[in-house]
Protein backbone atom coordinates (compact mmCIF):
# COMPACT_ATOMS: atom_id res chain seq x y z
CA UNK A 1 24.61 21.40 4.09
CA UNK A 2 21.46 19.37 4.64
CA UNK A 3 20.76 15.84 3.48
CA UNK A 4 17.27 14.47 2.93
CA UNK A 5 16.60 10.74 2.77
CA UNK A 6 13.22 9.67 1.44
CA UNK A 7 11.62 6.28 1.70
CA UNK A 8 8.29 4.57 1.32
CA UNK A 9 7.48 4.82 -2.37
CA UNK A 10 6.44 1.86 -4.46
CA UNK A 11 3.73 0.20 -6.51
CA UNK A 12 0.22 -0.09 -5.15
CA UNK A 13 -3.22 -0.83 -6.52
CA UNK A 14 -5.86 1.85 -6.74
CA UNK A 15 -7.57 2.26 -3.40
CA UNK A 16 -4.45 1.23 -1.50
CA UNK A 17 -2.20 3.15 0.86
CA UNK A 18 1.43 4.17 1.14
CA UNK A 19 3.40 6.12 3.70
CA UNK A 20 6.33 8.30 2.66
CA UNK A 21 9.05 9.41 5.04
CA UNK A 22 11.75 12.02 4.70
CA UNK A 23 14.50 12.42 7.29
CA UNK A 24 16.68 15.51 7.39
CA UNK A 25 20.22 15.70 8.74
CA UNK A 26 23.18 18.06 8.65
CA UNK A 27 23.56 21.73 9.47
CA UNK A 28 20.17 22.40 11.02
CA UNK A 29 19.23 24.72 13.83
CA UNK A 30 15.54 24.52 13.08
CA UNK A 31 13.29 23.35 10.29
CA UNK A 32 10.54 25.75 9.37
CA UNK A 33 8.32 24.36 6.63
CA UNK A 34 8.40 20.71 5.54
CA UNK A 35 6.49 19.52 2.53
CA UNK A 36 5.91 17.11 -0.28
CA UNK A 37 5.74 17.91 -3.96
CA UNK A 38 5.18 15.60 -6.88
CA UNK A 39 5.92 15.54 -10.57
CA UNK A 40 4.19 13.31 -13.07
CA UNK A 41 5.66 12.68 -16.53
CA UNK A 42 5.15 15.68 -18.78
CA UNK A 43 3.77 17.81 -15.96
CA UNK A 44 5.14 20.52 -13.71
CA UNK A 45 6.11 19.83 -10.15
CA UNK A 46 3.21 20.62 -7.84
CA UNK A 47 2.69 21.02 -4.14
CA UNK A 48 0.99 18.06 -2.48
CA UNK A 49 1.07 19.11 1.17
CA UNK A 50 3.14 21.11 3.62
CA UNK A 51 3.35 21.63 7.33
CA UNK A 52 4.87 24.51 9.25
CA UNK A 53 6.76 24.35 12.53
CA UNK A 54 3.51 25.49 14.14
CA UNK A 55 1.84 22.38 12.72
CA UNK A 56 -0.27 24.38 10.30
CA UNK A 57 -0.99 22.33 7.17
CA UNK A 58 -2.25 22.87 3.69
CA UNK A 59 -3.03 20.42 0.92
CA UNK A 60 -3.61 20.37 -2.79
CA UNK A 61 -7.34 20.10 -3.49
CA UNK A 62 -6.76 16.82 -5.32
CA UNK A 63 -5.47 15.08 -2.17
CA UNK A 64 -7.58 16.63 0.58
CA UNK A 65 -9.31 14.06 2.75
CA UNK A 66 -7.05 11.31 1.36
CA UNK A 67 -3.51 12.38 2.34
CA UNK A 68 -2.20 13.45 5.73
CA UNK A 69 1.09 15.21 6.38
CA UNK A 70 2.78 15.11 9.77
CA UNK A 71 6.19 15.76 11.27
CA UNK A 72 8.33 14.52 14.12
CA UNK A 73 10.62 17.36 15.12
CA UNK A 74 12.78 15.20 17.37
CA UNK A 75 13.53 12.94 14.41
CA UNK A 76 13.59 15.80 11.91
CA UNK A 77 11.26 13.74 9.79
CA UNK A 78 8.18 14.51 7.73
CA UNK A 79 5.62 11.90 6.75
CA UNK A 80 2.95 11.68 4.10
CA UNK A 81 0.22 9.15 4.71
CA UNK A 82 -1.53 8.49 1.41
CA UNK A 83 -4.86 6.66 1.42
CA UNK A 84 -7.39 5.77 -1.27
CA UNK A 85 -4.70 6.20 -3.88
CA UNK A 86 -5.72 6.82 -7.47
CA UNK A 87 -3.84 6.23 -10.74
CA UNK A 88 -3.57 10.00 -11.14
CA UNK A 89 -1.46 10.09 -7.96
CA UNK A 90 1.30 8.35 -9.89
CA UNK A 91 4.38 10.58 -9.82
CA UNK A 92 7.81 11.08 -8.34
CA UNK A 93 7.33 12.54 -4.89
CA UNK A 94 9.90 15.00 -3.57
CA UNK A 95 10.49 16.06 0.00
CA UNK A 96 11.12 19.77 0.56
CA UNK A 97 12.36 21.52 3.69
CA UNK A 98 13.18 25.09 4.63
CA UNK A 99 15.90 25.27 7.24
CA UNK A 100 17.63 27.75 9.48
CA UNK A 101 21.22 26.48 9.68
CA UNK A 102 22.11 28.60 12.74
CA UNK A 103 20.25 30.60 15.35
CA UNK A 104 21.72 33.80 13.92
CA UNK A 105 21.09 32.97 10.27
CA UNK A 106 19.14 35.79 8.60
CA UNK A 107 17.90 33.47 5.87
CA UNK A 108 16.29 30.09 5.57
CA UNK A 109 17.62 27.64 3.03
CA UNK A 110 15.56 25.29 0.90
CA UNK A 111 16.48 21.69 0.16
CA UNK A 112 15.00 18.93 -1.96
CA UNK A 113 15.09 15.18 -1.60
CA UNK A 114 16.11 12.90 -4.44
CA UNK A 115 12.55 11.81 -5.11
CA UNK A 116 10.70 8.55 -4.60
CA UNK A 117 8.49 6.92 -7.20
CA UNK A 118 4.85 6.23 -6.40
CA UNK A 119 2.95 4.19 -8.96
CA UNK A 120 -0.74 3.45 -8.61
CA UNK A 121 -2.16 0.79 -10.90
CA UNK A 122 -5.81 0.72 -11.94
């Protein structure tokens, strides 16, 4: 089993910045993809950004040039630096990881964090 602990959400004015963190622990041999999704009220959960274990990244068009995803493999942590925040960024942000629990595992397993609220006021 894998546990994800998120932190860093909160209330910020438009134009401000926040940094989200998500630390993974538990039965982990390696973490493949790490990412952030978000879900606003009445909307579907959407990908914000993700980063592979080769440090390849991709972003939603709506956050490109404003958000930066990074990871610290030694700490098993993924970060999301969010700058120039807009009211439409308001949502619950969820950490997502895909994990190999053992070297010999034929499958990767996906886990979600509990979510952290980000609210951007206008």
